[in-house]
Amino acid sequence: MQTQPAHDAASARYAARLEIDYPERLDRLTTFFRLLWVIPIAIVLGLLTSGGDQVQYTEAGERVRDSGGGILTGLAVATALMIVFRVRYPRWWFDFARELTRFGARVGAYVALLTDHYPSTVEEQSVHLDIDYPDVERDLNRWLPLVKWILAIPHYLVLVVLWLAALVSVVIAWFAILVTGRYPRGLFDFLVGVGRWGLRVNAYAFLLVTDRYPPFSLRP
């Protein structure tokens, strides 16, 4: 029986990966009040990612609210320009984007009841998210960042449906945890898969770490 070479397995692995440890038991009290418990850390995440609104006035004196777009939009645009014009992806830049993505994933997992660990700003906890640092000159086409967000449109459409299904799944899981103290394994795997799908699309279209088109799959 032949085994797959290690380098073939590595090449088949997507550049962005997400795994979450399945909890055997979950706390009913923190589950019941989850939307309240998450408020402080959600505010922190919001301050890191929101653009903030600016109020401006037209010549006629009308009040206009203008959004700055936020740090996530700024990172995506700046990264695209860096790749297109300089063919570079500074390591510190990548590290910041990856850690911010990891932090957001921990908050998302906590809101989705996938873990009882209060989201840390530093520790990995039970949410294992990894993104490969790209070799820009060898692995990336310098012009693709200009169109990747358009090429990913089919994924956006699928993700809208998946996120709606995920929302329903979280509500069902909430009741299940309150009754049994356990997260139904099928729902857990589905929600992790949706998060994995969204991460891959983000890595392709906005973090710009890979030119490999994201698979239409919930699986690792």
C-alpha atoms as a PDB file:
ATOM      1  CA  MET A   1       0.000   0.000   0.000  1.00  0.00           C
ATOM      2  CA  GLN A   2       1.418   3.342  -1.052  1.00  0.00           C
ATOM      3  CA  THR A   3       1.262   6.375   1.179  1.00  0.00           C
ATOM      4  CA  GLN A   4       0.987   9.945  -0.010  1.00  0.00           C
ATOM      5  CA  PRO A   5       4.320  11.791   0.121  1.00  0.00           C
ATOM      6  CA  ALA A   6       4.560  14.485   2.757  1.00  0.00           C
ATOM      7  CA  HIS A   7       5.204  17.225   0.189  1.00  0.00           C
ATOM      8  CA  ASP A   8       2.045  16.214  -1.759  1.00  0.00           C
ATOM      9  CA  ALA A   9      -0.043  16.447   1.410  1.00  0.00           C
ATOM     10  CA  ALA A  10       1.435  19.858   2.177  1.00  0.00           C
ATOM     11  CA  SER A  11       0.699  21.119  -1.334  1.00  0.00           C
ATOM     12  CA  ALA A  12      -2.933  19.980  -1.031  1.00  0.00           C
ATOM     13  CA  ARG A  13      -3.333  21.895   2.217  1.00  0.00           C
ATOM     14  CA  TYR A  14      -5.002  25.282   1.780  1.00  0.00           C
ATOM     15  CA  ALA A  15      -3.105  28.392   2.901  1.00  0.00           C
ATOM     16  CA  ALA A  16      -5.689  29.210   5.599  1.00  0.00           C
ATOM     17  CA  ARG A  17      -6.910  26.606   8.063  1.00  0.00           C
ATOM     18  CA  LEU A  18      -9.320  26.528  10.999  1.00  0.00           C
ATOM     19  CA  GLU A  19      -9.943  23.884  13.627  1.00  0.00           C
ATOM     20  CA  ILE A  20     -11.870  24.224  16.898  1.00  0.00           C
ATOM     21  CA  ASP A  21     -11.661  21.697  19.722  1.00  0.00           C
ATOM     22  CA  TYR A  22     -14.974  19.989  20.367  1.00  0.00           C
ATOM     23  CA  PRO A  23     -16.082  20.608  23.984  1.00  0.00           C
ATOM     24  CA  GLU A  24     -17.426  17.585  25.815  1.00  0.00           C
ATOM     25  CA  ARG A  25     -19.462  19.753  28.187  1.00  0.00           C
ATOM     26  CA  LEU A  26     -20.548  23.398  28.084  1.00  0.00           C
ATOM     27  CA  ASP A  27     -21.633  25.699  30.883  1.00  0.00           C
ATOM     28  CA  ARG A  28     -25.377  26.321  30.823  1.00  0.00           C
ATOM     29  CA  LEU A  29     -25.181  29.618  32.738  1.00  0.00           C
ATOM     30  CA  THR A  30     -22.655  31.339  30.467  1.00  0.00           C
ATOM     31  CA  THR A  31     -24.468  29.909  27.446  1.00  0.00           C
ATOM     32  CA  PHE A  32     -27.752  31.436  28.577  1.00  0.00           C
ATOM     33  CA  PHE A  33     -26.180  34.871  29.060  1.00  0.00           C
ATOM     34  CA  ARG A  34     -23.686  34.614  26.171  1.00  0.00           C
ATOM     35  CA  LEU A  35     -24.850  37.753  24.358  1.00  0.00           C
ATOM     36  CA  LEU A  36     -24.309  39.741  27.554  1.00  0.00           C
ATOM     37  CA  TRP A  37     -20.957  38.168  28.474  1.00  0.00           C
ATOM     38  CA  VAL A  38     -19.500  38.880  25.038  1.00  0.00           C
ATOM     39  CA  ILE A  39     -20.235  42.626  25.043  1.00  0.00           C
ATOM     40  CA  PRO A  40     -16.895  43.837  26.547  1.00  0.00           C
ATOM     41  CA  ILE A  41     -14.675  41.856  24.170  1.00  0.00           C
ATOM     42  CA  ALA A  42     -16.986  42.599  21.243  1.00  0.00           C
ATOM     43  CA  ILE A  43     -16.483  46.306  21.928  1.00  0.00           C
ATOM     44  CA  VAL A  44     -12.712  45.774  21.835  1.00  0.00           C
ATOM     45  CA  LEU A  45     -12.967  43.948  18.503  1.00  0.00           C
ATOM     46  CA  GLY A  46     -15.295  46.621  17.169  1.00  0.00           C
ATOM     47  CA  LEU A  47     -12.873  49.391  18.093  1.00  0.00           C
ATOM     48  CA  LEU A  48     -10.087  47.518  16.300  1.00  0.00           C
ATOM     49  CA  THR A  49     -12.024  46.896  13.105  1.00  0.00           C
ATOM     50  CA  SER A  50     -14.594  49.684  12.729  1.00  0.00           C
ATOM     51  CA  GLY A  51     -13.814  52.690  10.619  1.00  0.00           C
ATOM     52  CA  GLY A  52     -15.777  55.223  12.588  1.00  0.00           C
ATOM     53  CA  ASP A  53     -18.103  57.773  11.037  1.00  0.00           C
ATOM     54  CA  GLN A  54     -17.209  61.337  10.236  1.00  0.00           C
ATOM     55  CA  VAL A  55     -19.788  64.091   9.978  1.00  0.00           C
ATOM     56  CA  GLN A  56     -19.318  66.535   7.136  1.00  0.00           C
ATOM     57  CA  TYR A  57     -21.389  69.393   5.757  1.00  0.00           C
ATOM     58  CA  THR A  58     -22.137  70.236   2.165  1.00  0.00           C
ATOM     59  CA  GLU A  59     -22.081  73.754   0.739  1.00  0.00           C
ATOM     60  CA  ALA A  60     -25.835  73.891   1.286  1.00  0.00           C
ATOM     61  CA  GLY A  61     -25.334  73.155   4.969  1.00  0.00           C
ATOM     62  CA  GLU A  62     -26.686  69.622   4.784  1.00  0.00           C
ATOM     63  CA  ARG A  63     -25.237  67.143   7.241  1.00  0.00           C
ATOM     64  CA  VAL A  64     -23.587  64.113   5.642  1.00  0.00           C
ATOM     65  CA  ARG A  65     -22.211  61.058   7.449  1.00  0.00           C
ATOM     66  CA  ASP A  66     -19.129  59.539   5.853  1.00  0.00           C
ATOM     67  CA  SER A  67     -17.612  56.212   6.887  1.00  0.00           C
ATOM     68  CA  GLY A  68     -13.868  55.758   6.818  1.00  0.00           C
ATOM     69  CA  GLY A  69     -14.154  52.078   5.841  1.00  0.00           C
ATOM     70  CA  GLY A  70     -12.330  50.574   8.799  1.00  0.00           C
ATOM     71  CA  ILE A  71      -8.986  48.935   9.391  1.00  0.00           C
ATOM     72  CA  LEU A  72      -9.980  45.717   7.593  1.00  0.00           C
ATOM     73  CA  THR A  73     -10.759  47.583   4.390  1.00  0.00           C
ATOM     74  CA  GLY A  74      -7.613  49.636   4.777  1.00  0.00           C
ATOM     75  CA  LEU A  75      -5.501  46.505   5.254  1.00  0.00           C
ATOM     76  CA  ALA A  76      -6.969  44.844   2.165  1.00  0.00           C
ATOM     77  CA  VAL A  77      -6.451  47.879  -0.053  1.00  0.00           C
ATOM     78  CA  ALA A  78      -2.957  48.615   1.262  1.00  0.00           C
ATOM     79  CA  THR A  79      -1.910  44.969   0.881  1.00  0.00           C
ATOM     80  CA  ALA A  80      -3.193  44.889  -2.687  1.00  0.00           C
ATOM     81  CA  LEU A  81      -1.265  48.049  -3.562  1.00  0.00           C
ATOM     82  CA  MET A  82       1.876  46.700  -1.896  1.00  0.00           C
ATOM     83  CA  ILE A  83       1.723  43.487  -3.948  1.00  0.00           C
ATOM     84  CA  VAL A  84       0.847  45.233  -7.214  1.00  0.00           C
ATOM     85  CA  PHE A  85       3.421  48.009  -7.084  1.00  0.00           C
ATOM     86  CA  ARG A  86       6.175  46.623  -4.843  1.00  0.00           C
ATOM     87  CA  VAL A  87       5.685  42.831  -5.128  1.00  0.00           C
ATOM     88  CA  ARG A  88       6.072  42.648  -1.362  1.00  0.00           C
ATOM     89  CA  TYR A  89       4.105  41.503   1.671  1.00  0.00           C
ATOM     90  CA  PRO A  90       5.991  42.760   4.769  1.00  0.00           C
ATOM     91  CA  ARG A  91       6.172  40.106   7.453  1.00  0.00           C
ATOM     92  CA  TRP A  92       5.075  42.435  10.289  1.00  0.00           C
ATOM     93  CA  TRP A  93       2.106  43.464   8.138  1.00  0.00           C
ATOM     94  CA  PHE A  94       1.125  39.836   7.611  1.00  0.00           C
ATOM     95  CA  ASP A  95       1.580  38.999  11.302  1.00  0.00           C
ATOM     96  CA  PHE A  96      -0.757  41.807  12.327  1.00  0.00           C
ATOM     97  CA  ALA A  97      -3.447  40.716   9.834  1.00  0.00           C
ATOM     98  CA  ARG A  98      -3.148  37.094  10.959  1.00  0.00           C
ATOM     99  CA  GLU A  99      -3.379  37.894  14.677  1.00  0.00           C
ATOM    100  CA  LEU A 100      -6.363  40.169  14.107  1.00  0.00           C
ATOM    101  CA  THR A 101      -8.037  37.371  12.135  1.00  0.00           C
ATOM    102  CA  ARG A 102      -7.306  34.919  14.949  1.00  0.00           C
ATOM    103  CA  PHE A 103      -8.762  37.259  17.538  1.00  0.00           C
ATOM    104  CA  GLY A 104     -11.907  37.725  15.461  1.00  0.00           C
ATOM    105  CA  ALA A 105     -12.233  33.955  15.103  1.00  0.00           C
ATOM    106  CA  ARG A 106     -12.050  33.467  18.887  1.00  0.00           C
ATOM    107  CA  VAL A 107     -14.774  36.053  19.428  1.00  0.00           C
ATOM    108  CA  GLY A 108     -16.881  34.453  16.694  1.00  0.00           C
ATOM    109  CA  ALA A 109     -16.471  30.993  18.198  1.00  0.00           C
ATOM    110  CA  TYR A 110     -17.512  32.290  21.619  1.00  0.00           C
ATOM    111  CA  VAL A 111     -20.617  33.997  20.214  1.00  0.00           C
ATOM    112  CA  ALA A 112     -21.513  30.825  18.301  1.00  0.00           C
ATOM    113  CA  LEU A 113     -21.286  28.868  21.595  1.00  0.00           C
ATOM    114  CA  LEU A 114     -18.503  26.660  20.194  1.00  0.00           C
ATOM    115  CA  THR A 115     -16.391  27.248  23.292  1.00  0.00           C
ATOM    116  CA  ASP A 116     -16.726  28.420  26.884  1.00  0.00           C
ATOM    117  CA  HIS A 117     -13.286  30.042  26.839  1.00  0.00           C
ATOM    118  CA  TYR A 118     -13.672  33.812  27.059  1.00  0.00           C
ATOM    119  CA  PRO A 119     -11.856  35.200  23.987  1.00  0.00           C
ATOM    120  CA  SER A 120      -8.225  36.010  24.671  1.00  0.00           C
ATOM    121  CA  THR A 121      -6.395  38.784  22.864  1.00  0.00           C
ATOM    122  CA  VAL A 122      -3.209  36.708  22.980  1.00  0.00           C
ATOM    123  CA  GLU A 123      -3.692  32.974  23.609  1.00  0.00           C
ATOM    124  CA  GLU A 124      -4.861  30.500  20.981  1.00  0.00           C
ATOM    125  CA  GLN A 125      -7.212  28.688  23.378  1.00  0.00           C
ATOM    126  CA  SER A 126      -9.395  26.087  21.610  1.00  0.00           C
ATOM    127  CA  VAL A 127      -9.555  27.954  18.279  1.00  0.00           C
ATOM    128  CA  HIS A 128      -6.681  26.919  16.032  1.00  0.00           C
ATOM    129  CA  LEU A 129      -6.351  29.226  13.041  1.00  0.00           C
ATOM    130  CA  ASP A 130      -3.287  29.313  10.858  1.00  0.00           C
ATOM    131  CA  ILE A 131      -2.410  31.223   7.689  1.00  0.00           C
ATOM    132  CA  ASP A 132       0.682  30.578   5.614  1.00  0.00           C
ATOM    133  CA  TYR A 133       3.002  33.490   4.909  1.00  0.00           C
ATOM    134  CA  PRO A 134       3.270  33.855   1.112  1.00  0.00           C
ATOM    135  CA  ASP A 135       6.374  34.082  -1.012  1.00  0.00           C
ATOM    136  CA  VAL A 136       5.065  36.970  -3.100  1.00  0.00           C
ATOM    137  CA  GLU A 137       7.495  36.714  -6.008  1.00  0.00           C
ATOM    138  CA  ARG A 138       7.097  32.961  -6.381  1.00  0.00           C
ATOM    139  CA  ASP A 139       3.529  32.225  -5.245  1.00  0.00           C
ATOM    140  CA  LEU A 140       1.470  35.320  -6.098  1.00  0.00           C
ATOM    141  CA  ASN A 141       0.490  37.002  -9.338  1.00  0.00           C
ATOM    142  CA  ARG A 142       1.016  40.708  -8.762  1.00  0.00           C
ATOM    143  CA  TRP A 143      -2.091  41.702 -10.750  1.00  0.00           C
ATOM    144  CA  LEU A 144      -4.638  39.293  -9.269  1.00  0.00           C
ATOM    145  CA  PRO A 145      -5.283  41.417  -6.136  1.00  0.00           C
ATOM    146  CA  LEU A 146      -7.092  43.877  -8.409  1.00  0.00           C
ATOM    147  CA  VAL A 147      -9.767  41.307  -9.324  1.00  0.00           C
ATOM    148  CA  LYS A 148      -9.792  38.678  -6.581  1.00  0.00           C
ATOM    149  CA  TRP A 149     -12.690  40.343  -4.772  1.00  0.00           C
ATOM    150  CA  ILE A 150     -14.703  40.048  -7.999  1.00  0.00           C
ATOM    151  CA  LEU A 151     -13.667  36.449  -8.670  1.00  0.00           C
ATOM    152  CA  ALA A 152     -14.871  35.510  -5.180  1.00  0.00           C
ATOM    153  CA  ILE A 153     -18.478  36.660  -5.855  1.00  0.00           C
ATOM    154  CA  PRO A 154     -19.800  33.063  -6.183  1.00  0.00           C
ATOM    155  CA  HIS A 155     -18.451  32.377  -2.706  1.00  0.00           C
ATOM    156  CA  TYR A 156     -20.182  35.466  -1.300  1.00  0.00           C
ATOM    157  CA  LEU A 157     -23.520  34.194  -2.574  1.00  0.00           C
ATOM    158  CA  VAL A 158     -23.014  30.764  -1.036  1.00  0.00           C
ATOM    159  CA  LEU A 159     -21.790  32.247   2.243  1.00  0.00           C
ATOM    160  CA  VAL A 160     -24.935  34.350   2.617  1.00  0.00           C
ATOM    161  CA  VAL A 161     -26.972  31.142   2.633  1.00  0.00           C
ATOM    162  CA  LEU A 162     -24.496  29.358   4.891  1.00  0.00           C
ATOM    163  CA  TRP A 163     -24.422  32.179   7.448  1.00  0.00           C
ATOM    164  CA  LEU A 164     -28.226  32.209   7.602  1.00  0.00           C
ATOM    165  CA  ALA A 165     -28.184  28.449   8.182  1.00  0.00           C
ATOM    166  CA  ALA A 166     -25.441  28.935  10.775  1.00  0.00           C
ATOM    167  CA  LEU A 167     -27.568  31.468  12.644  1.00  0.00           C
ATOM    168  CA  VAL A 168     -30.429  28.985  12.856  1.00  0.00           C
ATOM    169  CA  SER A 169     -27.978  26.297  13.966  1.00  0.00           C
ATOM    170  CA  VAL A 170     -26.682  28.469  16.808  1.00  0.00           C
ATOM    171  CA  VAL A 171     -30.223  29.050  18.078  1.00  0.00           C
ATOM    172  CA  ILE A 172     -30.918  25.295  18.010  1.00  0.00           C
ATOM    173  CA  ALA A 173     -27.588  24.593  19.724  1.00  0.00           C
ATOM    174  CA  TRP A 174     -28.399  27.188  22.405  1.00  0.00           C
ATOM    175  CA  PHE A 175     -31.522  25.269  23.406  1.00  0.00           C
ATOM    176  CA  ALA A 176     -29.685  21.939  23.197  1.00  0.00           C
ATOM    177  CA  ILE A 177     -26.899  23.151  25.495  1.00  0.00           C
ATOM    178  CA  LEU A 178     -29.370  24.501  28.046  1.00  0.00           C
ATOM    179  CA  VAL A 179     -31.099  21.111  28.163  1.00  0.00           C
ATOM    180  CA  THR A 180     -28.206  18.664  27.814  1.00  0.00           C
ATOM    181  CA  GLY A 181     -25.039  20.683  28.444  1.00  0.00           C
ATOM    182  CA  ARG A 182     -23.649  19.436  25.128  1.00  0.00           C
ATOM    183  CA  TYR A 183     -23.279  20.894  21.641  1.00  0.00           C
ATOM    184  CA  PRO A 184     -24.839  18.596  19.003  1.00  0.00           C
ATOM    185  CA  ARG A 185     -21.807  17.289  17.105  1.00  0.00           C
ATOM    186  CA  GLY A 186     -23.395  17.663  13.676  1.00  0.00           C
ATOM    187  CA  LEU A 187     -24.205  21.323  14.282  1.00  0.00           C
ATOM    188  CA  PHE A 188     -20.749  21.926  15.743  1.00  0.00           C
ATOM    189  CA  ASP A 189     -18.997  20.483  12.695  1.00  0.00           C
ATOM    190  CA  PHE A 190     -21.269  22.459  10.372  1.00  0.00           C
ATOM    191  CA  LEU A 191     -20.520  25.768  12.095  1.00  0.00           C
ATOM    192  CA  VAL A 192     -16.783  25.119  12.127  1.00  0.00           C
ATOM    193  CA  GLY A 193     -17.035  24.294   8.427  1.00  0.00           C
ATOM    194  CA  VAL A 194     -18.816  27.568   7.693  1.00  0.00           C
ATOM    195  CA  GLY A 195     -16.124  29.455   9.586  1.00  0.00           C
ATOM    196  CA  ARG A 196     -13.457  27.540   7.655  1.00  0.00           C
ATOM    197  CA  TRP A 197     -15.122  28.420   4.339  1.00  0.00           C
ATOM    198  CA  GLY A 198     -15.322  32.095   5.240  1.00  0.00           C
ATOM    199  CA  LEU A 199     -11.680  32.111   6.344  1.00  0.00           C
ATOM    200  CA  ARG A 200     -10.525  30.673   3.021  1.00  0.00           C
ATOM    201  CA  VAL A 201     -12.432  33.296   1.075  1.00  0.00           C
ATOM    202  CA  ASN A 202     -10.997  36.016   3.301  1.00  0.00           C
ATOM    203  CA  ALA A 203      -7.475  34.658   2.807  1.00  0.00           C
ATOM    204  CA  TYR A 204      -7.936  34.635  -0.967  1.00  0.00           C
ATOM    205  CA  ALA A 205      -9.825  37.855  -1.645  1.00  0.00           C
ATOM    206  CA  PHE A 206      -8.785  40.216   1.154  1.00  0.00           C
ATOM    207  CA  LEU A 207      -5.753  38.958   3.060  1.00  0.00           C
ATOM    208  CA  LEU A 208      -4.307  38.053  -0.360  1.00  0.00           C
ATOM    209  CA  VAL A 209      -2.017  35.306   0.914  1.00  0.00           C
ATOM    210  CA  THR A 210      -2.776  32.844  -1.877  1.00  0.00           C
ATOM    211  CA  ASP A 211      -3.794  32.708  -5.534  1.00  0.00           C
ATOM    212  CA  ARG A 212      -5.382  29.278  -5.144  1.00  0.00           C
ATOM    213  CA  TYR A 213      -9.144  29.614  -5.546  1.00  0.00           C
ATOM    214  CA  PRO A 214     -11.008  28.580  -2.378  1.00  0.00           C
ATOM    215  CA  PRO A 215     -12.714  25.179  -2.556  1.00  0.00           C
ATOM    216  CA  PHE A 216     -16.484  25.011  -2.237  1.00  0.00           C
ATOM    217  CA  SER A 217     -16.264  22.822   0.818  1.00  0.00           C
ATOM    218  CA  LEU A 218     -16.841  22.791   4.575  1.00  0.00           C
ATOM    219  CA  ARG A 219     -14.167  20.167   5.097  1.00  0.00           C
ATOM    220  CA  PRO A 220     -10.552  20.776   6.209  1.00  0.00           C
END
